[in-house]
Amino acid sequence: MSIHSMSRILKTGFGLALVASFAMMSGSALAHPSRDGAAAEEGTTGEAASAIDTGIFRCTLGSGSVMGSLLVRPDETCRRFTTTLAGASNRYCPQGACVSCYSLARDIGCILEN
């Protein structure tokens, strides 16, 4: 492998990492959720084909400027709150950058009530 091709590989890798980090910070990409900080009341309900994560999850409102919470109920409905509720999980906040509540509701598959 020549120095030129190695340099090109490194530049490409750094460029992709930069794009991914901006996408995560803006809430337009959802990384695989980690189980760090998962709330005790989280669970999975429904059939295996239509399983939905239930619990309270941290998310953002107002284009990422306000921290909020998303309460996901077993009946596949969810509600946004403009505060971080007690026991809210960081499950969908990879490296501290939470996704928007609207995007999280869409990705989980629940129906927003507000």
PDB file of N, CA and C in Angstrom:
ATOM      1  N   MET A   1       0.848  -1.159   0.000  1.00  0.00           N
ATOM      2  CA  MET A   1       0.000   0.000   0.000  1.00  0.00           C
ATOM      3  C   MET A   1       0.901   1.231   0.000  1.00  0.00           C
ATOM      4  N   SER A   2       0.624   2.139  -0.889  1.00  0.00           N
ATOM      5  CA  SER A   2       1.451   3.340  -0.996  1.00  0.00           C
ATOM      6  C   SER A   2       0.995   4.401   0.009  1.00  0.00           C
ATOM      7  N   ILE A   3       1.829   5.386   0.202  1.00  0.00           N
ATOM      8  CA  ILE A   3       1.516   6.474   1.129  1.00  0.00           C
ATOM      9  C   ILE A   3       0.324   7.279   0.612  1.00  0.00           C
ATOM     10  N   HIS A   4       0.254   7.441  -0.701  1.00  0.00           N
ATOM     11  CA  HIS A   4      -0.855   8.203  -1.288  1.00  0.00           C
ATOM     12  C   HIS A   4      -2.204   7.530  -1.011  1.00  0.00           C
ATOM     13  N   SER A   5      -2.283   6.219  -1.207  1.00  0.00           N
ATOM     14  CA  SER A   5      -3.556   5.527  -0.982  1.00  0.00           C
ATOM     15  C   SER A   5      -3.903   5.491   0.507  1.00  0.00           C
ATOM     16  N   MET A   6      -2.903   5.380   1.377  1.00  0.00           N
ATOM     17  CA  MET A   6      -3.152   5.398   2.814  1.00  0.00           C
ATOM     18  C   MET A   6      -3.680   6.768   3.246  1.00  0.00           C
ATOM     19  N   SER A   7      -3.130   7.823   2.676  1.00  0.00           N
ATOM     20  CA  SER A   7      -3.587   9.178   2.987  1.00  0.00           C
ATOM     21  C   SER A   7      -5.034   9.374   2.552  1.00  0.00           C
ATOM     22  N   ARG A   8      -5.368   8.856   1.382  1.00  0.00           N
ATOM     23  CA  ARG A   8      -6.733   8.970   0.873  1.00  0.00           C
ATOM     24  C   ARG A   8      -7.706   8.198   1.765  1.00  0.00           C
ATOM     25  N   ILE A   9      -7.313   7.028   2.228  1.00  0.00           N
ATOM     26  CA  ILE A   9      -8.161   6.231   3.114  1.00  0.00           C
ATOM     27  C   ILE A   9      -8.410   6.976   4.421  1.00  0.00           C
ATOM     28  N   LEU A  10      -7.361   7.559   4.983  1.00  0.00           N
ATOM     29  CA  LEU A  10      -7.512   8.298   6.234  1.00  0.00           C
ATOM     30  C   LEU A  10      -8.412   9.519   6.064  1.00  0.00           C
ATOM     31  N   LYS A  11      -8.242  10.248   4.962  1.00  0.00           N
ATOM     32  CA  LYS A  11      -9.080  11.424   4.715  1.00  0.00           C
ATOM     33  C   LYS A  11     -10.546  11.026   4.561  1.00  0.00           C
ATOM     34  N   THR A  12     -10.787   9.942   3.857  1.00  0.00           N
ATOM     35  CA  THR A  12     -12.153   9.467   3.674  1.00  0.00           C
ATOM     36  C   THR A  12     -12.764   9.060   5.008  1.00  0.00           C
ATOM     37  N   GLY A  13     -11.994   8.341   5.813  1.00  0.00           N
ATOM     38  CA  GLY A  13     -12.477   7.912   7.135  1.00  0.00           C
ATOM     39  C   GLY A  13     -12.801   9.085   8.036  1.00  0.00           C
ATOM     40  N   PHE A  14     -11.928  10.088   8.066  1.00  0.00           N
ATOM     41  CA  PHE A  14     -12.180  11.268   8.885  1.00  0.00           C
ATOM     42  C   PHE A  14     -13.392  12.039   8.376  1.00  0.00           C
ATOM     43  N   GLY A  15     -13.543  12.116   7.074  1.00  0.00           N
ATOM     44  CA  GLY A  15     -14.696  12.813   6.499  1.00  0.00           C
ATOM     45  C   GLY A  15     -16.005  12.135   6.863  1.00  0.00           C
ATOM     46  N   LEU A  16     -16.041  10.811   6.763  1.00  0.00           N
ATOM     47  CA  LEU A  16     -17.250  10.077   7.125  1.00  0.00           C
ATOM     48  C   LEU A  16     -17.558  10.211   8.609  1.00  0.00           C
ATOM     49  N   ALA A  17     -16.532  10.169   9.446  1.00  0.00           N
ATOM     50  CA  ALA A  17     -16.730  10.328  10.886  1.00  0.00           C
ATOM     51  C   ALA A  17     -17.283  11.712  11.209  1.00  0.00           C
ATOM     52  N   LEU A  18     -16.797  12.724  10.516  1.00  0.00           N
ATOM     53  CA  LEU A  18     -17.267  14.087  10.735  1.00  0.00           C
ATOM     54  C   LEU A  18     -18.733  14.234  10.331  1.00  0.00           C
ATOM     55  N   VAL A  19     -19.101  13.689   9.192  1.00  0.00           N
ATOM     56  CA  VAL A  19     -20.488  13.747   8.733  1.00  0.00           C
ATOM     57  C   VAL A  19     -21.397  13.004   9.710  1.00  0.00           C
ATOM     58  N   ALA A  20     -20.976  11.842  10.171  1.00  0.00           N
ATOM     59  CA  ALA A  20     -21.784  11.064  11.111  1.00  0.00           C
ATOM     60  C   ALA A  20     -21.972  11.805  12.430  1.00  0.00           C
ATOM     61  N   SER A  21     -20.926  12.455  12.910  1.00  0.00           N
ATOM     62  CA  SER A  21     -21.054  13.175  14.180  1.00  0.00           C
ATOM     63  C   SER A  21     -21.994  14.364  14.043  1.00  0.00           C
ATOM     64  N   PHE A  22     -21.947  15.087  12.924  1.00  0.00           N
ATOM     65  CA  PHE A  22     -22.880  16.193  12.721  1.00  0.00           C
ATOM     66  C   PHE A  22     -24.312  15.683  12.606  1.00  0.00           C
ATOM     67  N   ALA A  23     -24.503  14.560  11.943  1.00  0.00           N
ATOM     68  CA  ALA A  23     -25.845  13.999  11.799  1.00  0.00           C
ATOM     69  C   ALA A  23     -26.407  13.583  13.153  1.00  0.00           C
ATOM     70  N   MET A  24     -25.585  13.000  13.996  1.00  0.00           N
ATOM     71  CA  MET A  24     -26.050  12.590  15.319  1.00  0.00           C
ATOM     72  C   MET A  24     -26.364  13.794  16.194  1.00  0.00           C
ATOM     73  N   MET A  25     -25.530  14.816  16.124  1.00  0.00           N
ATOM     74  CA  MET A  25     -25.747  15.995  16.953  1.00  0.00           C
ATOM     75  C   MET A  25     -27.008  16.741  16.538  1.00  0.00           C
ATOM     76  N   SER A  26     -27.342  16.716  15.278  1.00  0.00           N
ATOM     77  CA  SER A  26     -28.544  17.416  14.819  1.00  0.00           C
ATOM     78  C   SER A  26     -29.795  16.570  15.007  1.00  0.00           C
ATOM     79  N   GLY A  27     -29.633  15.309  15.361  1.00  0.00           N
ATOM     80  CA  GLY A  27     -30.786  14.452  15.595  1.00  0.00           C
ATOM     81  C   GLY A  27     -31.342  13.812  14.348  1.00  0.00           C
ATOM     82  N   SER A  28     -30.625  13.895  13.239  1.00  0.00           N
ATOM     83  CA  SER A  28     -31.150  13.323  12.006  1.00  0.00           C
ATOM     84  C   SER A  28     -30.694  11.894  11.785  1.00  0.00           C
ATOM     85  N   ALA A  29     -29.916  11.364  12.687  1.00  0.00           N
ATOM     86  CA  ALA A  29     -29.477   9.973  12.577  1.00  0.00           C
ATOM     87  C   ALA A  29     -29.615   9.320  13.934  1.00  0.00           C
ATOM     88  N   LEU A  30     -29.996   8.085  13.948  1.00  0.00           N
ATOM     89  CA  LEU A  30     -30.147   7.346  15.181  1.00  0.00           C
ATOM     90  C   LEU A  30     -29.163   6.194  15.176  1.00  0.00           C
ATOM     91  N   ALA A  31     -28.225   6.235  16.093  1.00  0.00           N
ATOM     92  CA  ALA A  31     -27.256   5.152  16.205  1.00  0.00           C
ATOM     93  C   ALA A  31     -27.916   3.986  16.919  1.00  0.00           C
ATOM     94  N   HIS A  32     -27.263   2.854  16.908  1.00  0.00           N
ATOM     95  CA  HIS A  32     -27.781   1.725  17.654  1.00  0.00           C
ATOM     96  C   HIS A  32     -27.802   2.093  19.118  1.00  0.00           C
ATOM     97  N   PRO A  33     -28.951   1.965  19.777  1.00  0.00           N
ATOM     98  CA  PRO A  33     -29.041   2.394  21.161  1.00  0.00           C
ATOM     99  C   PRO A  33     -28.212   1.514  22.075  1.00  0.00           C
ATOM    100  N   SER A  34     -27.597   2.129  23.047  1.00  0.00           N
ATOM    101  CA  SER A  34     -26.852   1.369  24.042  1.00  0.00           C
ATOM    102  C   SER A  34     -27.741   1.186  25.252  1.00  0.00           C
ATOM    103  N   ARG A  35     -27.438   0.240  26.075  1.00  0.00           N
ATOM    104  CA  ARG A  35     -28.244  -0.009  27.260  1.00  0.00           C
ATOM    105  C   ARG A  35     -27.740   0.783  28.459  1.00  0.00           C
ATOM    106  N   ASP A  36     -26.755   1.670  28.288  1.00  0.00           N
ATOM    107  CA  ASP A  36     -26.261   2.479  29.388  1.00  0.00           C
ATOM    108  C   ASP A  36     -27.355   3.416  29.849  1.00  0.00           C
ATOM    109  N   GLY A  37     -27.582   3.449  31.153  1.00  0.00           N
ATOM    110  CA  GLY A  37     -28.555   4.365  31.711  1.00  0.00           C
ATOM    111  C   GLY A  37     -29.992   3.988  31.417  1.00  0.00           C
ATOM    112  N   ALA A  38     -30.252   2.730  31.114  1.00  0.00           N
ATOM    113  CA  ALA A  38     -31.607   2.310  30.794  1.00  0.00           C
ATOM    114  C   ALA A  38     -32.466   2.330  32.049  1.00  0.00           C
ATOM    115  N   ALA A  39     -33.672   2.837  31.927  1.00  0.00           N
ATOM    116  CA  ALA A  39     -34.574   2.931  33.068  1.00  0.00           C
ATOM    117  C   ALA A  39     -35.114   1.556  33.420  1.00  0.00           C
ATOM    118  N   ALA A  40     -35.454   1.383  34.677  1.00  0.00           N
ATOM    119  CA  ALA A  40     -35.939   0.094  35.147  1.00  0.00           C
ATOM    120  C   ALA A  40     -37.313  -0.228  34.577  1.00  0.00           C
ATOM    121  N   GLU A  41     -38.112   0.803  34.263  1.00  0.00           N
ATOM    122  CA  GLU A  41     -39.454   0.543  33.774  1.00  0.00           C
ATOM    123  C   GLU A  41     -39.522   0.279  32.276  1.00  0.00           C
ATOM    124  N   GLU A  42     -38.406   0.225  31.597  1.00  0.00           N
ATOM    125  CA  GLU A  42     -38.408  -0.049  30.166  1.00  0.00           C
ATOM    126  C   GLU A  42     -38.751  -1.504  29.919  1.00  0.00           C
ATOM    127  N   GLY A  43     -39.383  -1.756  28.820  1.00  0.00           N
ATOM    128  CA  GLY A  43     -39.693  -3.121  28.459  1.00  0.00           C
ATOM    129  C   GLY A  43     -40.073  -3.192  27.007  1.00  0.00           C
ATOM    130  N   THR A  44     -40.508  -4.365  26.606  1.00  0.00           N
ATOM    131  CA  THR A  44     -40.977  -4.552  25.246  1.00  0.00           C
ATOM    132  C   THR A  44     -42.343  -5.193  25.336  1.00  0.00           C
ATOM    133  N   THR A  45     -43.266  -4.693  24.561  1.00  0.00           N
ATOM    134  CA  THR A  45     -44.625  -5.201  24.608  1.00  0.00           C
ATOM    135  C   THR A  45     -45.072  -5.601  23.207  1.00  0.00           C
ATOM    136  N   GLY A  46     -46.155  -6.368  23.130  1.00  0.00           N
ATOM    137  CA  GLY A  46     -46.702  -6.740  21.832  1.00  0.00           C
ATOM    138  C   GLY A  46     -46.079  -8.001  21.283  1.00  0.00           C
ATOM    139  N   GLU A  47     -46.472  -8.332  20.076  1.00  0.00           N
ATOM    140  CA  GLU A  47     -45.932  -9.492  19.387  1.00  0.00           C
ATOM    141  C   GLU A  47     -44.502  -9.229  18.948  1.00  0.00           C
ATOM    142  N   ALA A  48     -43.783 -10.278  18.637  1.00  0.00           N
ATOM    143  CA  ALA A  48     -42.393 -10.133  18.199  1.00  0.00           C
ATOM    144  C   ALA A  48     -42.299  -9.301  16.923  1.00  0.00           C
ATOM    145  N   ALA A  49     -43.290  -9.416  16.054  1.00  0.00           N
ATOM    146  CA  ALA A  49     -43.253  -8.671  14.797  1.00  0.00           C
ATOM    147  C   ALA A  49     -43.546  -7.191  15.004  1.00  0.00           C
ATOM    148  N   SER A  50     -44.313  -6.849  16.047  1.00  0.00           N
ATOM    149  CA  SER A  50     -44.671  -5.451  16.277  1.00  0.00           C
ATOM    150  C   SER A  50     -44.278  -5.005  17.680  1.00  0.00           C
ATOM    151  N   ALA A  51     -43.099  -5.404  18.134  1.00  0.00           N
ATOM    152  CA  ALA A  51     -42.632  -5.038  19.468  1.00  0.00           C
ATOM    153  C   ALA A  51     -42.315  -3.551  19.511  1.00  0.00           C
ATOM    154  N   ILE A  52     -42.622  -2.931  20.648  1.00  0.00           N
ATOM    155  CA  ILE A  52     -42.357  -1.508  20.827  1.00  0.00           C
ATOM    156  C   ILE A  52     -41.669  -1.325  22.177  1.00  0.00           C
ATOM    157  N   ASP A  53     -40.657  -0.462  22.206  1.00  0.00           N
ATOM    158  CA  ASP A  53     -39.965  -0.151  23.454  1.00  0.00           C
ATOM    159  C   ASP A  53     -40.860   0.749  24.286  1.00  0.00           C
ATOM    160  N   THR A  54     -41.098   0.374  25.535  1.00  0.00           N
ATOM    161  CA  THR A  54     -41.876   1.215  26.430  1.00  0.00           C
ATOM    162  C   THR A  54     -40.965   1.792  27.492  1.00  0.00           C
ATOM    163  N   GLY A  55     -41.334   2.935  28.037  1.00  0.00           N
ATOM    164  CA  GLY A  55     -40.551   3.568  29.086  1.00  0.00           C
ATOM    165  C   GLY A  55     -40.478   5.062  28.880  1.00  0.00           C
ATOM    166  N   ILE A  56     -39.557   5.692  29.606  1.00  0.00           N
ATOM    167  CA  ILE A  56     -39.340   7.129  29.505  1.00  0.00           C
ATOM    168  C   ILE A  56     -37.945   7.342  28.945  1.00  0.00           C
ATOM    169  N   PHE A  57     -37.847   8.089  27.854  1.00  0.00           N
ATOM    170  CA  PHE A  57     -36.572   8.297  27.177  1.00  0.00           C
ATOM    171  C   PHE A  57     -36.281   9.788  27.045  1.00  0.00           C
ATOM    172  N   ARG A  58     -35.021  10.164  27.216  1.00  0.00           N
ATOM    173  CA  ARG A  58     -34.607  11.552  27.004  1.00  0.00           C
ATOM    174  C   ARG A  58     -34.577  11.840  25.514  1.00  0.00           C
ATOM    175  N   CYS A  59     -34.964  13.053  25.140  1.00  0.00           N
ATOM    176  CA  CYS A  59     -34.951  13.486  23.746  1.00  0.00           C
ATOM    177  C   CYS A  59     -34.870  15.011  23.731  1.00  0.00           C
ATOM    178  N   THR A  60     -34.833  15.588  22.548  1.00  0.00           N
ATOM    179  CA  THR A  60     -34.719  17.045  22.451  1.00  0.00           C
ATOM    180  C   THR A  60     -35.941  17.643  21.766  1.00  0.00           C
ATOM    181  N   LEU A  61     -36.184  18.887  22.093  1.00  0.00           N
ATOM    182  CA  LEU A  61     -37.257  19.675  21.489  1.00  0.00           C
ATOM    183  C   LEU A  61     -36.652  20.961  20.960  1.00  0.00           C
ATOM    184  N   GLY A  62     -37.364  21.650  20.123  1.00  0.00           N
ATOM    185  CA  GLY A  62     -36.896  22.950  19.645  1.00  0.00           C
ATOM    186  C   GLY A  62     -35.587  22.888  18.898  1.00  0.00           C
ATOM    187  N   SER A  63     -35.479  22.017  17.931  1.00  0.00           N
ATOM    188  CA  SER A  63     -34.268  21.850  17.106  1.00  0.00           C
ATOM    189  C   SER A  63     -33.046  21.492  17.932  1.00  0.00           C
ATOM    190  N   GLY A  64     -33.258  20.752  19.006  1.00  0.00           N
ATOM    191  CA  GLY A  64     -32.140  20.279  19.816  1.00  0.00           C
ATOM    192  C   GLY A  64     -31.710  21.220  20.915  1.00  0.00           C
ATOM    193  N   SER A  65     -32.402  22.344  21.079  1.00  0.00           N
ATOM    194  CA  SER A  65     -31.972  23.323  22.076  1.00  0.00           C
ATOM    195  C   SER A  65     -32.575  23.090  23.455  1.00  0.00           C
ATOM    196  N   VAL A  66     -33.638  22.291  23.558  1.00  0.00           N
ATOM    197  CA  VAL A  66     -34.315  22.048  24.828  1.00  0.00           C
ATOM    198  C   VAL A  66     -34.362  20.545  25.079  1.00  0.00           C
ATOM    199  N   MET A  67     -33.940  20.135  26.282  1.00  0.00           N
ATOM    200  CA  MET A  67     -34.028  18.721  26.636  1.00  0.00           C
ATOM    201  C   MET A  67     -35.456  18.404  27.061  1.00  0.00           C
ATOM    202  N   GLY A  68     -35.945  17.270  26.637  1.00  0.00           N
ATOM    203  CA  GLY A  68     -37.290  16.842  26.981  1.00  0.00           C
ATOM    204  C   GLY A  68     -37.316  15.352  27.242  1.00  0.00           C
ATOM    205  N   SER A  69     -38.506  14.803  27.334  1.00  0.00           N
ATOM    206  CA  SER A  69     -38.687  13.378  27.577  1.00  0.00           C
ATOM    207  C   SER A  69     -39.822  12.862  26.710  1.00  0.00           C
ATOM    208  N   LEU A  70     -39.739  11.595  26.384  1.00  0.00           N
ATOM    209  CA  LEU A  70     -40.795  10.927  25.631  1.00  0.00           C
ATOM    210  C   LEU A  70     -41.263   9.743  26.463  1.00  0.00           C
ATOM    211  N   LEU A  71     -42.545   9.750  26.830  1.00  0.00           N
ATOM    212  CA  LEU A  71     -43.147   8.663  27.588  1.00  0.00           C
ATOM    213  C   LEU A  71     -43.835   7.736  26.597  1.00  0.00           C
ATOM    214  N   VAL A  72     -43.351   6.495  26.497  1.00  0.00           N
ATOM    215  CA  VAL A  72     -43.914   5.514  25.559  1.00  0.00           C
ATOM    216  C   VAL A  72     -44.705   4.495  26.368  1.00  0.00           C
ATOM    217  N   ARG A  73     -45.993   4.391  26.059  1.00  0.00           N
ATOM    218  CA  ARG A  73     -46.895   3.505  26.795  1.00  0.00           C
ATOM    219  C   ARG A  73     -47.050   2.168  26.069  1.00  0.00           C
ATOM    220  N   PRO A  74     -47.476   1.130  26.803  1.00  0.00           N
ATOM    221  CA  PRO A  74     -47.667  -0.188  26.174  1.00  0.00           C
ATOM    222  C   PRO A  74     -48.733  -0.213  25.080  1.00  0.00           C
ATOM    223  N   ASP A  75     -49.666   0.759  25.081  1.00  0.00           N
ATOM    224  CA  ASP A  75     -50.699   0.781  24.043  1.00  0.00           C
ATOM    225  C   ASP A  75     -50.223   1.471  22.764  1.00  0.00           C
ATOM    226  N   GLU A  76     -48.903   1.648  22.631  1.00  0.00           N
ATOM    227  CA  GLU A  76     -48.242   2.222  21.455  1.00  0.00           C
ATOM    228  C   GLU A  76     -48.576   3.696  21.237  1.00  0.00           C
ATOM    229  N   THR A  77     -48.935   4.390  22.310  1.00  0.00           N
ATOM    230  CA  THR A  77     -49.073   5.839  22.256  1.00  0.00           C
ATOM    231  C   THR A  77     -47.916   6.445  23.035  1.00  0.00           C
ATOM    232  N   CYS A  78     -47.585   7.685  22.741  1.00  0.00           N
ATOM    233  CA  CYS A  78     -46.504   8.344  23.462  1.00  0.00           C
ATOM    234  C   CYS A  78     -46.817   9.822  23.624  1.00  0.00           C
ATOM    235  N   ARG A  79     -46.150  10.420  24.593  1.00  0.00           N
ATOM    236  CA  ARG A  79     -46.380  11.826  24.909  1.00  0.00           C
ATOM    237  C   ARG A  79     -45.044  12.502  25.161  1.00  0.00           C
ATOM    238  N   ARG A  80     -44.885  13.721  24.601  1.00  0.00           N
ATOM    239  CA  ARG A  80     -43.675  14.511  24.804  1.00  0.00           C
ATOM    240  C   ARG A  80     -43.844  15.402  26.026  1.00  0.00           C
ATOM    241  N   PHE A  81     -42.746  15.586  26.763  1.00  0.00           N
ATOM    242  CA  PHE A  81     -42.712  16.501  27.892  1.00  0.00           C
ATOM    243  C   PHE A  81     -41.552  17.463  27.689  1.00  0.00           C
ATOM    244  N   THR A  82     -41.743  18.710  28.102  1.00  0.00           N
ATOM    245  CA  THR A  82     -40.709  19.731  27.902  1.00  0.00           C
ATOM    246  C   THR A  82     -39.671  19.744  29.010  1.00  0.00           C
ATOM    247  N   THR A  83     -39.712  18.765  29.888  1.00  0.00           N
ATOM    248  CA  THR A  83     -38.704  18.627  30.941  1.00  0.00           C
ATOM    249  C   THR A  83     -38.167  17.209  30.908  1.00  0.00           C
ATOM    250  N   THR A  84     -37.041  17.016  31.556  1.00  0.00           N
ATOM    251  CA  THR A  84     -36.503  15.661  31.681  1.00  0.00           C
ATOM    252  C   THR A  84     -37.172  15.012  32.881  1.00  0.00           C
ATOM    253  N   LEU A  85     -37.998  14.018  32.646  1.00  0.00           N
ATOM    254  CA  LEU A  85     -38.719  13.342  33.717  1.00  0.00           C
ATOM    255  C   LEU A  85     -37.776  12.471  34.531  1.00  0.00           C
ATOM    256  N   ALA A  86     -38.123  12.280  35.801  1.00  0.00           N
ATOM    257  CA  ALA A  86     -37.320  11.427  36.681  1.00  0.00           C
ATOM    258  C   ALA A  86     -37.291  10.011  36.119  1.00  0.00           C
ATOM    259  N   GLY A  87     -36.139   9.418  36.074  1.00  0.00           N
ATOM    260  CA  GLY A  87     -35.981   8.060  35.572  1.00  0.00           C
ATOM    261  C   GLY A  87     -35.873   7.954  34.063  1.00  0.00           C
ATOM    262  N   ALA A  88     -35.771   9.089  33.368  1.00  0.00           N
ATOM    263  CA  ALA A  88     -35.660   9.059  31.907  1.00  0.00           C
ATOM    264  C   ALA A  88     -34.348   8.403  31.492  1.00  0.00           C
ATOM    265  N   SER A  89     -34.421   7.541  30.525  1.00  0.00           N
ATOM    266  CA  SER A  89     -33.274   6.770  30.047  1.00  0.00           C
ATOM    267  C   SER A  89     -32.485   7.531  28.985  1.00  0.00           C
ATOM    268  N   ASN A  90     -31.187   7.317  28.971  1.00  0.00           N
ATOM    269  CA  ASN A  90     -30.301   7.861  27.933  1.00  0.00           C
ATOM    270  C   ASN A  90     -30.132   6.879  26.779  1.00  0.00           C
ATOM    271  N   ARG A  91     -30.994   5.911  26.673  1.00  0.00           N
ATOM    272  CA  ARG A  91     -30.848   4.837  25.694  1.00  0.00           C
ATOM    273  C   ARG A  91     -30.693   5.340  24.261  1.00  0.00           C
ATOM    274  N   TYR A  92     -31.396   6.401  23.904  1.00  0.00           N
ATOM    275  CA  TYR A  92     -31.333   6.931  22.546  1.00  0.00           C
ATOM    276  C   TYR A  92     -30.518   8.223  22.478  1.00  0.00           C
ATOM    277  N   CYS A  93     -29.550   8.353  23.375  1.00  0.00           N
ATOM    278  CA  CYS A  93     -28.652   9.515  23.406  1.00  0.00           C
ATOM    279  C   CYS A  93     -27.215   9.030  23.266  1.00  0.00           C
ATOM    280  N   PRO A  94     -26.820   8.567  22.080  1.00  0.00           N
ATOM    281  CA  PRO A  94     -25.450   8.069  21.922  1.00  0.00           C
ATOM    282  C   PRO A  94     -24.442   9.180  22.172  1.00  0.00           C
ATOM    283  N   GLN A  95     -23.535   8.939  23.063  1.00  0.00           N
ATOM    284  CA  GLN A  95     -22.464   9.880  23.419  1.00  0.00           C
ATOM    285  C   GLN A  95     -23.024  11.219  23.862  1.00  0.00           C
ATOM    286  N   GLY A  96     -24.185  11.206  24.520  1.00  0.00           N
ATOM    287  CA  GLY A  96     -24.767  12.413  25.085  1.00  0.00           C
ATOM    288  C   GLY A  96     -25.584  13.262  24.130  1.00  0.00           C
ATOM    289  N   ALA A  97     -25.635  12.921  22.853  1.00  0.00           N
ATOM    290  CA  ALA A  97     -26.396  13.700  21.867  1.00  0.00           C
ATOM    291  C   ALA A  97     -27.737  13.008  21.625  1.00  0.00           C
ATOM    292  N   CYS A  98     -28.794  13.544  22.220  1.00  0.00           N
ATOM    293  CA  CYS A  98     -30.119  12.939  22.104  1.00  0.00           C
ATOM    294  C   CYS A  98     -30.789  13.329  20.784  1.00  0.00           C
ATOM    295  N   VAL A  99     -31.615  12.424  20.284  1.00  0.00           N
ATOM    296  CA  VAL A  99     -32.368  12.693  19.058  1.00  0.00           C
ATOM    297  C   VAL A  99     -33.608  13.508  19.403  1.00  0.00           C
ATOM    298  N   SER A 100     -34.259  14.052  18.401  1.00  0.00           N
ATOM    299  CA  SER A 100     -35.475  14.833  18.643  1.00  0.00           C
ATOM    300  C   SER A 100     -36.604  13.896  19.077  1.00  0.00           C
ATOM    301  N   CYS A 101     -37.503  14.422  19.893  1.00  0.00           N
ATOM    302  CA  CYS A 101     -38.620  13.617  20.391  1.00  0.00           C
ATOM    303  C   CYS A 101     -39.501  13.128  19.241  1.00  0.00           C
ATOM    304  N   TYR A 102     -39.711  13.980  18.243  1.00  0.00           N
ATOM    305  CA  TYR A 102     -40.520  13.598  17.086  1.00  0.00           C
ATOM    306  C   TYR A 102     -39.873  12.429  16.334  1.00  0.00           C
ATOM    307  N   SER A 103     -38.566  12.518  16.096  1.00  0.00           N
ATOM    308  CA  SER A 103     -37.854  11.448  15.391  1.00  0.00           C
ATOM    309  C   SER A 103     -37.850  10.168  16.207  1.00  0.00           C
ATOM    310  N   LEU A 104     -37.681  10.296  17.519  1.00  0.00           N
ATOM    311  CA  LEU A 104     -37.667   9.122  18.385  1.00  0.00           C
ATOM    312  C   LEU A 104     -39.019   8.425  18.358  1.00  0.00           C
ATOM    313  N   ALA A 105     -40.102   9.187  18.427  1.00  0.00           N
ATOM    314  CA  ALA A 105     -41.442   8.589  18.369  1.00  0.00           C
ATOM    315  C   ALA A 105     -41.644   7.856  17.050  1.00  0.00           C
ATOM    316  N   ARG A 106     -41.203   8.461  15.963  1.00  0.00           N
ATOM    317  CA  ARG A 106     -41.325   7.834  14.643  1.00  0.00           C
ATOM    318  C   ARG A 106     -40.502   6.547  14.576  1.00  0.00           C
ATOM    319  N   ASP A 107     -39.256   6.591  15.093  1.00  0.00           N
ATOM    320  CA  ASP A 107     -38.383   5.421  15.027  1.00  0.00           C
ATOM    321  C   ASP A 107     -38.876   4.285  15.923  1.00  0.00           C
ATOM    322  N   ILE A 108     -39.414   4.627  17.094  1.00  0.00           N
ATOM    323  CA  ILE A 108     -39.943   3.602  17.995  1.00  0.00           C
ATOM    324  C   ILE A 108     -41.238   3.025  17.433  1.00  0.00           C
ATOM    325  N   GLY A 109     -42.033   3.871  16.786  1.00  0.00           N
ATOM    326  CA  GLY A 109     -43.282   3.411  16.186  1.00  0.00           C
ATOM    327  C   GLY A 109     -44.498   3.686  17.048  1.00  0.00           C
ATOM    328  N   CYS A 110     -44.433   4.724  17.885  1.00  0.00           N
ATOM    329  CA  CYS A 110     -45.588   5.055  18.717  1.00  0.00           C
ATOM    330  C   CYS A 110     -46.332   6.253  18.128  1.00  0.00           C
ATOM    331  N   ILE A 111     -47.565   6.436  18.560  1.00  0.00           N
ATOM    332  CA  ILE A 111     -48.412   7.519  18.070  1.00  0.00           C
ATOM    333  C   ILE A 111     -48.340   8.667  19.064  1.00  0.00           C
ATOM    334  N   LEU A 112     -47.872   9.834  18.607  1.00  0.00           N
ATOM    335  CA  LEU A 112     -47.758  11.005  19.477  1.00  0.00           C
ATOM    336  C   LEU A 112     -49.135  11.569  19.792  1.00  0.00           C
ATOM    337  N   GLU A 113     -49.384  11.826  21.076  1.00  0.00           N
ATOM    338  CA  GLU A 113     -50.646  12.431  21.495  1.00  0.00           C
ATOM    339  C   GLU A 113     -50.561  13.950  21.526  1.00  0.00           C
ATOM    340  N   ASN A 114     -49.369  14.505  21.582  1.00  0.00           N
ATOM    341  CA  ASN A 114     -49.225  15.971  21.620  1.00  0.00           C
ATOM    342  C   ASN A 114     -48.134  16.415  20.690  1.00  0.00           C
TER     343      ASN A 114
END
